[in-house]
């Protein structure tokens, strides 16, 4: 039997003006409920939707003292054992679906931009912490970077998550491809640098890794004073072709992915694309070049121990 997975992804509306964080969570669950009509195996929500235009986070951002600002963010962030996570776990178990929700998450005294997998049995079956936070996230908001890049297997499907700014670093997706990832998940707030360039970038990530790619993001019905985002949730195949997209509309789109489909491209004459790129890739050459470049390179984030990154 071919391996198939049915995935829904959300185009999340930021409309009207400031709302409470609780209202943003309620909005997310409305999208989840709506997606159930398509009988998905997995539903993807966009990056840190509970912070977007929320009055609590606007108030935190106005604090001048960095320590006070960070303490307030810690108090406002969700935890894996808190009521928000419990709500996701209950929803996933009740409806026999996996939910991937990307939220600002507290672990001890650290903040992470984290995508959490809530499994069909009401448990947390995986997590990914953004490894390439922006300068604003790291230096102003105090968000710690993740240091693990490895697939998360759910029901026999291997998922690789990369969040928003991670998209600018193709090595992340390449590592997932080498580890046998089936589907790349991309929760994001990004709508650019332009929507066209972002779309082409994601198509390239899908093609270069020979993975399906699913992105969830935001749309607005009017310009808001604090920002303007206009993008679309999309599901791409392993050649970068669009299987489903929302357009500039809120809601969700769904597609069934045949994970065992032969991954041919126009220039693969003997093997499918995935096998071809894996055999041709000169990982040893690139590793030596990166090792040389790393010597004396300025790093915003302190260099982690090599053992923390899967290979």
C-alpha atoms as a PDB file:
ATOM      1  CA  UNK A   1       0.000   0.000   0.000  1.00  0.00           C
ATOM      2  CA  UNK A   2       1.362   3.455  -0.879  1.00  0.00           C
ATOM      3  CA  UNK A   3       2.053   5.718   2.062  1.00  0.00           C
ATOM      4  CA  UNK A   4      -0.300   8.670   1.985  1.00  0.00           C
ATOM      5  CA  UNK A   5      -0.893  11.544   4.382  1.00  0.00           C
ATOM      6  CA  UNK A   6      -3.607  14.188   4.270  1.00  0.00           C
ATOM      7  CA  UNK A   7      -2.537  17.630   5.492  1.00  0.00           C
ATOM      8  CA  UNK A   8      -4.461  20.854   6.101  1.00  0.00           C
ATOM      9  CA  UNK A   9      -2.720  24.214   6.496  1.00  0.00           C
ATOM     10  CA  UNK A  10      -4.195  27.455   7.816  1.00  0.00           C
ATOM     11  CA  UNK A  11      -4.297  30.942   6.328  1.00  0.00           C
ATOM     12  CA  UNK A  12      -4.811  32.972   9.511  1.00  0.00           C
ATOM     13  CA  UNK A  13      -6.686  36.287   9.357  1.00  0.00           C
ATOM     14  CA  UNK A  14      -5.294  39.298  11.212  1.00  0.00           C
ATOM     15  CA  UNK A  15      -8.244  41.639  10.967  1.00  0.00           C
ATOM     16  CA  UNK A  16      -9.828  44.602  12.638  1.00  0.00           C
ATOM     17  CA  UNK A  17      -7.230  45.644  15.183  1.00  0.00           C
ATOM     18  CA  UNK A  18      -5.731  44.605  18.510  1.00  0.00           C
ATOM     19  CA  UNK A  19      -7.210  41.561  20.246  1.00  0.00           C
ATOM     20  CA  UNK A  20      -6.394  39.616  23.380  1.00  0.00           C
ATOM     21  CA  UNK A  21      -4.105  36.612  23.359  1.00  0.00           C
ATOM     22  CA  UNK A  22      -7.022  34.454  24.511  1.00  0.00           C
ATOM     23  CA  UNK A  23      -9.031  35.592  21.487  1.00  0.00           C
ATOM     24  CA  UNK A  24      -6.163  34.627  19.169  1.00  0.00           C
ATOM     25  CA  UNK A  25      -6.139  31.118  20.627  1.00  0.00           C
ATOM     26  CA  UNK A  26      -9.926  30.907  20.197  1.00  0.00           C
ATOM     27  CA  UNK A  27      -9.488  31.973  16.575  1.00  0.00           C
ATOM     28  CA  UNK A  28      -6.901  29.240  16.045  1.00  0.00           C
ATOM     29  CA  UNK A  29      -9.274  26.600  17.370  1.00  0.00           C
ATOM     30  CA  UNK A  30     -12.002  27.843  15.039  1.00  0.00           C
ATOM     31  CA  UNK A  31      -9.634  27.179  12.125  1.00  0.00           C
ATOM     32  CA  UNK A  32      -8.809  23.745  13.511  1.00  0.00           C
ATOM     33  CA  UNK A  33     -12.505  22.889  13.834  1.00  0.00           C
ATOM     34  CA  UNK A  34     -13.153  24.030  10.277  1.00  0.00           C
ATOM     35  CA  UNK A  35     -10.283  21.949   8.873  1.00  0.00           C
ATOM     36  CA  UNK A  36     -11.754  18.779  10.397  1.00  0.00           C
ATOM     37  CA  UNK A  37     -14.316  18.721   7.578  1.00  0.00           C
ATOM     38  CA  UNK A  38     -11.495  17.647   5.230  1.00  0.00           C
ATOM     39  CA  UNK A  39     -10.555  14.730   7.517  1.00  0.00           C
ATOM     40  CA  UNK A  40      -6.836  15.573   7.672  1.00  0.00           C
ATOM     41  CA  UNK A  41      -4.157  13.534   9.403  1.00  0.00           C
ATOM     42  CA  UNK A  42      -2.294  16.729  10.394  1.00  0.00           C
ATOM     43  CA  UNK A  43      -3.192  20.428  10.656  1.00  0.00           C
ATOM     44  CA  UNK A  44      -0.526  23.174  10.586  1.00  0.00           C
ATOM     45  CA  UNK A  45      -0.931  26.599  12.246  1.00  0.00           C
ATOM     46  CA  UNK A  46       1.308  29.644  11.522  1.00  0.00           C
ATOM     47  CA  UNK A  47       4.140  31.098  13.564  1.00  0.00           C
ATOM     48  CA  UNK A  48       3.339  32.581  17.001  1.00  0.00           C
ATOM     49  CA  UNK A  49      -0.189  33.621  16.017  1.00  0.00           C
ATOM     50  CA  UNK A  50      -0.975  34.303  19.691  1.00  0.00           C
ATOM     51  CA  UNK A  51       1.407  37.285  19.680  1.00  0.00           C
ATOM     52  CA  UNK A  52       0.225  38.942  16.451  1.00  0.00           C
ATOM     53  CA  UNK A  53      -1.563  42.223  17.185  1.00  0.00           C
ATOM     54  CA  UNK A  54      -2.353  41.132  20.737  1.00  0.00           C
ATOM     55  CA  UNK A  55      -2.727  43.807  23.398  1.00  0.00           C
ATOM     56  CA  UNK A  56      -0.627  41.858  25.917  1.00  0.00           C
ATOM     57  CA  UNK A  57       2.356  41.688  23.586  1.00  0.00           C
ATOM     58  CA  UNK A  58       2.016  45.289  22.501  1.00  0.00           C
ATOM     59  CA  UNK A  59       2.199  46.283  26.166  1.00  0.00           C
ATOM     60  CA  UNK A  60       5.276  44.092  26.698  1.00  0.00           C
ATOM     61  CA  UNK A  61       6.956  45.682  23.672  1.00  0.00           C
ATOM     62  CA  UNK A  62       6.528  49.155  25.179  1.00  0.00           C
ATOM     63  CA  UNK A  63       8.590  48.300  28.261  1.00  0.00           C
ATOM     64  CA  UNK A  64      11.991  50.028  28.189  1.00  0.00           C
ATOM     65  CA  UNK A  65      13.817  47.827  30.664  1.00  0.00           C
ATOM     66  CA  UNK A  66      15.036  44.622  28.925  1.00  0.00           C
ATOM     67  CA  UNK A  67      14.852  42.529  32.094  1.00  0.00           C
ATOM     68  CA  UNK A  68      11.300  43.635  32.841  1.00  0.00           C
ATOM     69  CA  UNK A  69      10.333  43.022  29.220  1.00  0.00           C
ATOM     70  CA  UNK A  70      11.776  39.500  29.279  1.00  0.00           C
ATOM     71  CA  UNK A  71      10.143  38.659  32.616  1.00  0.00           C
ATOM     72  CA  UNK A  72       6.775  39.801  31.272  1.00  0.00           C
ATOM     73  CA  UNK A  73       7.248  37.682  28.151  1.00  0.00           C
ATOM     74  CA  UNK A  74       8.081  34.638  30.264  1.00  0.00           C
ATOM     75  CA  UNK A  75       4.881  35.143  32.240  1.00  0.00           C
ATOM     76  CA  UNK A  76       2.803  35.462  29.058  1.00  0.00           C
ATOM     77  CA  UNK A  77       4.332  32.564  27.104  1.00  0.00           C
ATOM     78  CA  UNK A  78       2.714  29.137  27.049  1.00  0.00           C
ATOM     79  CA  UNK A  79       4.287  26.028  28.616  1.00  0.00           C
ATOM     80  CA  UNK A  80       4.044  22.393  27.618  1.00  0.00           C
ATOM     81  CA  UNK A  81       2.285  21.549  30.888  1.00  0.00           C
ATOM     82  CA  UNK A  82      -0.006  24.571  30.921  1.00  0.00           C
ATOM     83  CA  UNK A  83      -3.674  25.088  30.000  1.00  0.00           C
ATOM     84  CA  UNK A  84      -3.054  26.046  26.359  1.00  0.00           C
ATOM     85  CA  UNK A  85      -1.088  22.872  25.679  1.00  0.00           C
ATOM     86  CA  UNK A  86      -3.768  20.876  27.478  1.00  0.00           C
ATOM     87  CA  UNK A  87      -6.372  22.383  25.167  1.00  0.00           C
ATOM     88  CA  UNK A  88      -4.364  21.339  22.092  1.00  0.00           C
ATOM     89  CA  UNK A  89      -3.807  17.844  23.479  1.00  0.00           C
ATOM     90  CA  UNK A  90      -7.509  17.430  24.202  1.00  0.00           C
ATOM     91  CA  UNK A  91      -8.484  18.621  20.711  1.00  0.00           C
ATOM     92  CA  UNK A  92      -6.005  16.279  18.996  1.00  0.00           C
ATOM     93  CA  UNK A  93      -7.174  13.259  21.000  1.00  0.00           C
ATOM     94  CA  UNK A  94     -10.864  14.037  20.659  1.00  0.00           C
ATOM     95  CA  UNK A  95     -10.648  14.372  16.875  1.00  0.00           C
ATOM     96  CA  UNK A  96      -7.923  11.772  16.180  1.00  0.00           C
ATOM     97  CA  UNK A  97      -5.691  14.286  14.411  1.00  0.00           C
ATOM     98  CA  UNK A  98      -2.161  15.630  14.825  1.00  0.00           C
ATOM     99  CA  UNK A  99      -1.954  19.399  15.377  1.00  0.00           C
ATOM    100  CA  UNK A 100       1.280  21.347  14.864  1.00  0.00           C
ATOM    101  CA  UNK A 101       1.088  24.679  16.673  1.00  0.00           C
ATOM    102  CA  UNK A 102       3.960  27.191  16.607  1.00  0.00           C
ATOM    103  CA  UNK A 103       3.974  29.342  19.759  1.00  0.00           C
ATOM    104  CA  UNK A 104       6.274  31.318  22.009  1.00  0.00           C
ATOM    105  CA  UNK A 105       7.025  28.646  24.588  1.00  0.00           C
ATOM    106  CA  UNK A 106       8.640  28.839  28.007  1.00  0.00           C
ATOM    107  CA  UNK A 107      10.925  26.075  29.252  1.00  0.00           C
ATOM    108  CA  UNK A 108      12.374  26.926  32.655  1.00  0.00           C
ATOM    109  CA  UNK A 109      13.806  30.420  32.359  1.00  0.00           C
ATOM    110  CA  UNK A 110      14.194  30.277  28.571  1.00  0.00           C
ATOM    111  CA  UNK A 111      11.895  31.342  25.737  1.00  0.00           C
ATOM    112  CA  UNK A 112      11.722  29.424  22.463  1.00  0.00           C
ATOM    113  CA  UNK A 113       9.977  29.960  19.159  1.00  0.00           C
ATOM    114  CA  UNK A 114       8.658  26.392  19.164  1.00  0.00           C
ATOM    115  CA  UNK A 115       6.511  24.209  16.928  1.00  0.00           C
ATOM    116  CA  UNK A 116       4.883  21.493  19.025  1.00  0.00           C
ATOM    117  CA  UNK A 117       3.324  18.290  17.673  1.00  0.00           C
ATOM    118  CA  UNK A 118       0.181  17.287  19.568  1.00  0.00           C
ATOM    119  CA  UNK A 119      -0.563  13.657  18.730  1.00  0.00           C
ATOM    120  CA  UNK A 120      -3.727  11.654  18.227  1.00  0.00           C
ATOM    121  CA  UNK A 121      -3.514  10.177  21.731  1.00  0.00           C
ATOM    122  CA  UNK A 122      -3.371  13.524  23.494  1.00  0.00           C
ATOM    123  CA  UNK A 123       0.386  13.526  23.974  1.00  0.00           C
ATOM    124  CA  UNK A 124       3.231  15.693  22.713  1.00  0.00           C
ATOM    125  CA  UNK A 125       4.995  13.614  20.074  1.00  0.00           C
ATOM    126  CA  UNK A 126       7.668  16.094  19.000  1.00  0.00           C
ATOM    127  CA  UNK A 127       8.915  19.654  19.074  1.00  0.00           C
ATOM    128  CA  UNK A 128      11.156  21.883  16.982  1.00  0.00           C
ATOM    129  CA  UNK A 129      12.739  25.101  18.230  1.00  0.00           C
ATOM    130  CA  UNK A 130      13.667  27.718  15.642  1.00  0.00           C
ATOM    131  CA  UNK A 131      17.425  27.511  15.116  1.00  0.00           C
ATOM    132  CA  UNK A 132      17.774  30.837  13.262  1.00  0.00           C
ATOM    133  CA  UNK A 133      15.911  33.478  15.291  1.00  0.00           C
ATOM    134  CA  UNK A 134      16.064  36.982  13.891  1.00  0.00           C
ATOM    135  CA  UNK A 135      18.244  39.639  15.492  1.00  0.00           C
ATOM    136  CA  UNK A 136      15.109  41.147  17.021  1.00  0.00           C
ATOM    137  CA  UNK A 137      14.021  37.813  18.488  1.00  0.00           C
ATOM    138  CA  UNK A 138      17.435  36.976  19.908  1.00  0.00           C
ATOM    139  CA  UNK A 139      18.871  40.338  20.942  1.00  0.00           C
ATOM    140  CA  UNK A 140      15.711  42.275  21.863  1.00  0.00           C
ATOM    141  CA  UNK A 141      13.130  39.677  22.876  1.00  0.00           C
ATOM    142  CA  UNK A 142      15.557  37.213  24.442  1.00  0.00           C
ATOM    143  CA  UNK A 143      14.351  34.162  22.497  1.00  0.00           C
ATOM    144  CA  UNK A 144      16.851  31.304  22.721  1.00  0.00           C
ATOM    145  CA  UNK A 145      17.762  29.393  19.555  1.00  0.00           C
ATOM    146  CA  UNK A 146      17.125  25.705  19.148  1.00  0.00           C
ATOM    147  CA  UNK A 147      20.073  23.463  18.343  1.00  0.00           C
ATOM    148  CA  UNK A 148      18.481  20.320  16.915  1.00  0.00           C
ATOM    149  CA  UNK A 149      17.690  19.619  13.260  1.00  0.00           C
ATOM    150  CA  UNK A 150      16.159  16.177  12.918  1.00  0.00           C
ATOM    151  CA  UNK A 151      12.891  14.802  11.519  1.00  0.00           C
ATOM    152  CA  UNK A 152       9.919  14.156  13.782  1.00  0.00           C
ATOM    153  CA  UNK A 153       8.169  10.894  12.910  1.00  0.00           C
ATOM    154  CA  UNK A 154       4.393  10.726  13.349  1.00  0.00           C
ATOM    155  CA  UNK A 155       2.351   7.751  12.131  1.00  0.00           C
ATOM    156  CA  UNK A 156       5.221   6.633   9.888  1.00  0.00           C
ATOM    157  CA  UNK A 157       5.673  10.066   8.264  1.00  0.00           C
ATOM    158  CA  UNK A 158       8.920  11.976   8.798  1.00  0.00           C
ATOM    159  CA  UNK A 159       8.363  15.743   9.174  1.00  0.00           C
ATOM    160  CA  UNK A 160      11.025  18.446   9.152  1.00  0.00           C
ATOM    161  CA  UNK A 161      10.081  21.851  10.560  1.00  0.00           C
ATOM    162  CA  UNK A 162      11.710  25.160   9.659  1.00  0.00           C
ATOM    163  CA  UNK A 163      10.212  28.357  11.040  1.00  0.00           C
ATOM    164  CA  UNK A 164      10.035  31.737   9.266  1.00  0.00           C
ATOM    165  CA  UNK A 165      13.612  33.136   9.191  1.00  0.00           C
ATOM    166  CA  UNK A 166      14.947  29.569   8.948  1.00  0.00           C
ATOM    167  CA  UNK A 167      13.914  29.813   5.288  1.00  0.00           C
ATOM    168  CA  UNK A 168      16.963  31.995   4.567  1.00  0.00           C
ATOM    169  CA  UNK A 169      19.331  29.159   5.505  1.00  0.00           C
ATOM    170  CA  UNK A 170      19.023  26.344   2.937  1.00  0.00           C
ATOM    171  CA  UNK A 171      21.298  24.058   4.974  1.00  0.00           C
ATOM    172  CA  UNK A 172      18.422  23.355   7.367  1.00  0.00           C
ATOM    173  CA  UNK A 173      16.208  21.844   4.693  1.00  0.00           C
ATOM    174  CA  UNK A 174      19.180  20.062   3.106  1.00  0.00           C
ATOM    175  CA  UNK A 175      19.894  18.329   6.411  1.00  0.00           C
ATOM    176  CA  UNK A 176      16.280  17.216   6.596  1.00  0.00           C
ATOM    177  CA  UNK A 177      16.516  15.835   3.078  1.00  0.00           C
ATOM    178  CA  UNK A 178      19.603  13.780   3.938  1.00  0.00           C
ATOM    179  CA  UNK A 179      17.754  12.322   6.925  1.00  0.00           C
ATOM    180  CA  UNK A 180      14.906  10.932   4.841  1.00  0.00           C
ATOM    181  CA  UNK A 181      12.308  13.595   5.592  1.00  0.00           C
ATOM    182  CA  UNK A 182       9.007  13.187   3.750  1.00  0.00           C
ATOM    183  CA  UNK A 183       7.331  16.556   4.381  1.00  0.00           C
ATOM    184  CA  UNK A 184       8.750  19.962   5.293  1.00  0.00           C
ATOM    185  CA  UNK A 185       6.491  22.118   7.493  1.00  0.00           C
ATOM    186  CA  UNK A 186       6.986  25.887   7.407  1.00  0.00           C
ATOM    187  CA  UNK A 187       4.963  27.940   9.907  1.00  0.00           C
ATOM    188  CA  UNK A 188       5.796  31.585   9.362  1.00  0.00           C
ATOM    189  CA  UNK A 189       4.897  35.243   9.759  1.00  0.00           C
ATOM    190  CA  UNK A 190       6.861  36.189   6.648  1.00  0.00           C
ATOM    191  CA  UNK A 191       5.257  37.617   3.531  1.00  0.00           C
ATOM    192  CA  UNK A 192       8.469  38.565   1.787  1.00  0.00           C
ATOM    193  CA  UNK A 193      10.918  40.090   1.037  1.00  0.00           C
ATOM    194  CA  UNK A 194       8.205  40.006  -1.643  1.00  0.00           C
ATOM    195  CA  UNK A 195       5.461  37.429  -1.902  1.00  0.00           C
ATOM    196  CA  UNK A 196       6.767  36.247  -5.289  1.00  0.00           C
ATOM    197  CA  UNK A 197      10.323  35.791  -4.065  1.00  0.00           C
ATOM    198  CA  UNK A 198       9.139  33.992  -0.939  1.00  0.00           C
ATOM    199  CA  UNK A 199       7.046  31.602  -3.029  1.00  0.00           C
ATOM    200  CA  UNK A 200       9.959  30.849  -5.364  1.00  0.00           C
ATOM    201  CA  UNK A 201      12.255  30.336  -2.367  1.00  0.00           C
ATOM    202  CA  UNK A 202       9.926  27.721  -0.890  1.00  0.00           C
ATOM    203  CA  UNK A 203       9.519  25.984  -4.257  1.00  0.00           C
ATOM    204  CA  UNK A 204      13.301  25.766  -4.413  1.00  0.00           C
ATOM    205  CA  UNK A 205      13.530  24.319  -0.896  1.00  0.00           C
ATOM    206  CA  UNK A 206      11.023  21.626  -1.891  1.00  0.00           C
ATOM    207  CA  UNK A 207      12.867  20.800  -5.109  1.00  0.00           C
ATOM    208  CA  UNK A 208      16.380  20.839  -3.650  1.00  0.00           C
ATOM    209  CA  UNK A 209      15.434  18.402  -0.893  1.00  0.00           C
ATOM    210  CA  UNK A 210      12.899  16.421  -2.937  1.00  0.00           C
ATOM    211  CA  UNK A 211      10.340  16.880  -0.146  1.00  0.00           C
ATOM    212  CA  UNK A 212       6.717  17.954  -0.065  1.00  0.00           C
ATOM    213  CA  UNK A 213       6.464  21.360   1.619  1.00  0.00           C
ATOM    214  CA  UNK A 214       3.548  22.876   3.565  1.00  0.00           C
ATOM    215  CA  UNK A 215       3.497  26.494   4.718  1.00  0.00           C
ATOM    216  CA  UNK A 216       1.027  28.250   7.029  1.00  0.00           C
ATOM    217  CA  UNK A 217       0.931  32.029   7.307  1.00  0.00           C
ATOM    218  CA  UNK A 218      -1.223  35.165   7.690  1.00  0.00           C
ATOM    219  CA  UNK A 219      -3.535  37.318   5.626  1.00  0.00           C
ATOM    220  CA  UNK A 220      -5.100  40.702   6.418  1.00  0.00           C
ATOM    221  CA  UNK A 221      -8.371  42.215   5.296  1.00  0.00           C
ATOM    222  CA  UNK A 222      -7.042  45.762   5.801  1.00  0.00           C
ATOM    223  CA  UNK A 223      -3.742  47.484   6.606  1.00  0.00           C
ATOM    224  CA  UNK A 224      -3.033  47.645  10.331  1.00  0.00           C
ATOM    225  CA  UNK A 225      -0.946  50.319  12.003  1.00  0.00           C
ATOM    226  CA  UNK A 226       1.633  47.922  13.394  1.00  0.00           C
ATOM    227  CA  UNK A 227       2.309  45.963  10.168  1.00  0.00           C
ATOM    228  CA  UNK A 228       0.810  44.730   6.926  1.00  0.00           C
ATOM    229  CA  UNK A 229       1.090  41.085   5.855  1.00  0.00           C
ATOM    230  CA  UNK A 230      -0.493  39.578   2.793  1.00  0.00           C
ATOM    231  CA  UNK A 231       0.489  36.034   1.939  1.00  0.00           C
ATOM    232  CA  UNK A 232      -1.082  32.635   1.380  1.00  0.00           C
ATOM    233  CA  UNK A 233      -0.993  29.139   2.838  1.00  0.00           C
ATOM    234  CA  UNK A 234       0.337  26.663   0.268  1.00  0.00           C
ATOM    235  CA  UNK A 235       1.115  22.982  -0.210  1.00  0.00           C
ATOM    236  CA  UNK A 236       3.893  22.178  -2.722  1.00  0.00           C
ATOM    237  CA  UNK A 237       5.017  18.870  -4.137  1.00  0.00           C
ATOM    238  CA  UNK A 238       8.662  17.743  -4.315  1.00  0.00           C
ATOM    239  CA  UNK A 239       9.216  19.561  -7.622  1.00  0.00           C
ATOM    240  CA  UNK A 240       7.851  22.826  -6.245  1.00  0.00           C
ATOM    241  CA  UNK A 241       4.502  22.564  -8.019  1.00  0.00           C
ATOM    242  CA  UNK A 242       1.487  23.919  -6.129  1.00  0.00           C
ATOM    243  CA  UNK A 243      -0.970  21.266  -4.964  1.00  0.00           C
ATOM    244  CA  UNK A 244      -3.228  23.628  -2.980  1.00  0.00           C
ATOM    245  CA  UNK A 245      -3.197  27.274  -1.914  1.00  0.00           C
ATOM    246  CA  UNK A 246      -5.501  29.691  -0.120  1.00  0.00           C
ATOM    247  CA  UNK A 247      -4.865  32.841  -2.142  1.00  0.00           C
ATOM    248  CA  UNK A 248      -5.358  36.031  -0.138  1.00  0.00           C
ATOM    249  CA  UNK A 249      -8.201  34.462   1.810  1.00  0.00           C
ATOM    250  CA  UNK A 250      -8.391  33.174   5.333  1.00  0.00           C
ATOM    251  CA  UNK A 251      -9.330  29.600   6.082  1.00  0.00           C
ATOM    252  CA  UNK A 252      -7.504  26.410   5.228  1.00  0.00           C
ATOM    253  CA  UNK A 253      -6.481  24.251   2.282  1.00  0.00           C
ATOM    254  CA  UNK A 254      -5.930  20.496   2.211  1.00  0.00           C
ATOM    255  CA  UNK A 255      -4.107  18.002   0.005  1.00  0.00           C
ATOM    256  CA  UNK A 256      -3.369  14.284   0.078  1.00  0.00           C
ATOM    257  CA  UNK A 257       0.333  13.546  -0.397  1.00  0.00           C
ATOM    258  CA  UNK A 258       1.517  10.259  -1.929  1.00  0.00           C
ATOM    259  CA  UNK A 259       4.814   9.833  -0.101  1.00  0.00           C
ATOM    260  CA  UNK A 260       5.889   6.871  -2.239  1.00  0.00           C
ATOM    261  CA  UNK A 261       5.376   8.647  -5.551  1.00  0.00           C
ATOM    262  CA  UNK A 262       8.497   8.408  -7.723  1.00  0.00           C
ATOM    263  CA  UNK A 263      10.196  11.775  -7.580  1.00  0.00           C
ATOM    264  CA  UNK A 264      11.240  12.352 -11.155  1.00  0.00           C
ATOM    265  CA  UNK A 265      12.484  15.578 -12.672  1.00  0.00           C
ATOM    266  CA  UNK A 266      13.247  16.422 -16.301  1.00  0.00           C
ATOM    267  CA  UNK A 267      16.985  15.826 -15.857  1.00  0.00           C
ATOM    268  CA  UNK A 268      16.968  12.550 -13.887  1.00  0.00           C
ATOM    269  CA  UNK A 269      17.465   9.835 -16.494  1.00  0.00           C
ATOM    270  CA  UNK A 270      18.049   6.747 -14.353  1.00  0.00           C
ATOM    271  CA  UNK A 271      17.121   7.413 -10.739  1.00  0.00           C
ATOM    272  CA  UNK A 272      14.479   9.449  -9.037  1.00  0.00           C
ATOM    273  CA  UNK A 273      15.460  12.934  -7.939  1.00  0.00           C
ATOM    274  CA  UNK A 274      15.930  12.186  -4.240  1.00  0.00           C
ATOM    275  CA  UNK A 275      18.362   9.318  -4.873  1.00  0.00           C
ATOM    276  CA  UNK A 276      20.189  11.388  -7.483  1.00  0.00           C
ATOM    277  CA  UNK A 277      20.864  14.395  -5.258  1.00  0.00           C
ATOM    278  CA  UNK A 278      21.846  12.215  -2.301  1.00  0.00           C
ATOM    279  CA  UNK A 279      24.399  10.320  -4.393  1.00  0.00           C
ATOM    280  CA  UNK A 280      25.798  13.471  -6.025  1.00  0.00           C
ATOM    281  CA  UNK A 281      26.006  15.740  -2.984  1.00  0.00           C
ATOM    282  CA  UNK A 282      29.629  16.266  -1.891  1.00  0.00           C
ATOM    283  CA  UNK A 283      28.922  16.687   1.797  1.00  0.00           C
ATOM    284  CA  UNK A 284      32.590  16.156   2.699  1.00  0.00           C
ATOM    285  CA  UNK A 285      33.700  19.041   0.454  1.00  0.00           C
ATOM    286  CA  UNK A 286      31.104  21.431   1.840  1.00  0.00           C
ATOM    287  CA  UNK A 287      31.862  20.403   5.415  1.00  0.00           C
ATOM    288  CA  UNK A 288      35.537  21.278   4.952  1.00  0.00           C
ATOM    289  CA  UNK A 289      34.633  24.628   3.393  1.00  0.00           C
ATOM    290  CA  UNK A 290      32.249  25.485   6.235  1.00  0.00           C
ATOM    291  CA  UNK A 291      34.826  24.452   8.836  1.00  0.00           C
ATOM    292  CA  UNK A 292      37.328  26.853   7.277  1.00  0.00           C
ATOM    293  CA  UNK A 293      34.809  29.686   7.048  1.00  0.00           C
ATOM    294  CA  UNK A 294      33.760  29.158  10.673  1.00  0.00           C
ATOM    295  CA  UNK A 295      37.212  30.103  11.942  1.00  0.00           C
ATOM    296  CA  UNK A 296      37.011  33.666  13.163  1.00  0.00           C
ATOM    297  CA  UNK A 297      33.499  34.212  11.789  1.00  0.00           C
ATOM    298  CA  UNK A 298      31.306  36.682  13.698  1.00  0.00           C
ATOM    299  CA  UNK A 299      28.380  34.848  15.284  1.00  0.00           C
ATOM    300  CA  UNK A 300      25.294  36.442  16.779  1.00  0.00           C
ATOM    301  CA  UNK A 301      24.521  33.135  18.493  1.00  0.00           C
ATOM    302  CA  UNK A 302      27.365  31.399  20.400  1.00  0.00           C
ATOM    303  CA  UNK A 303      28.674  28.314  18.642  1.00  0.00           C
ATOM    304  CA  UNK A 304      26.990  25.150  19.950  1.00  0.00           C
ATOM    305  CA  UNK A 305      28.687  21.833  20.526  1.00  0.00           C
ATOM    306  CA  UNK A 306      28.714  19.757  17.295  1.00  0.00           C
ATOM    307  CA  UNK A 307      26.944  16.875  19.044  1.00  0.00           C
ATOM    308  CA  UNK A 308      23.761  18.915  19.446  1.00  0.00           C
ATOM    309  CA  UNK A 309      23.050  18.944  15.702  1.00  0.00           C
ATOM    310  CA  UNK A 310      21.887  15.647  14.252  1.00  0.00           C
ATOM    311  CA  UNK A 311      23.453  14.340  11.076  1.00  0.00           C
END
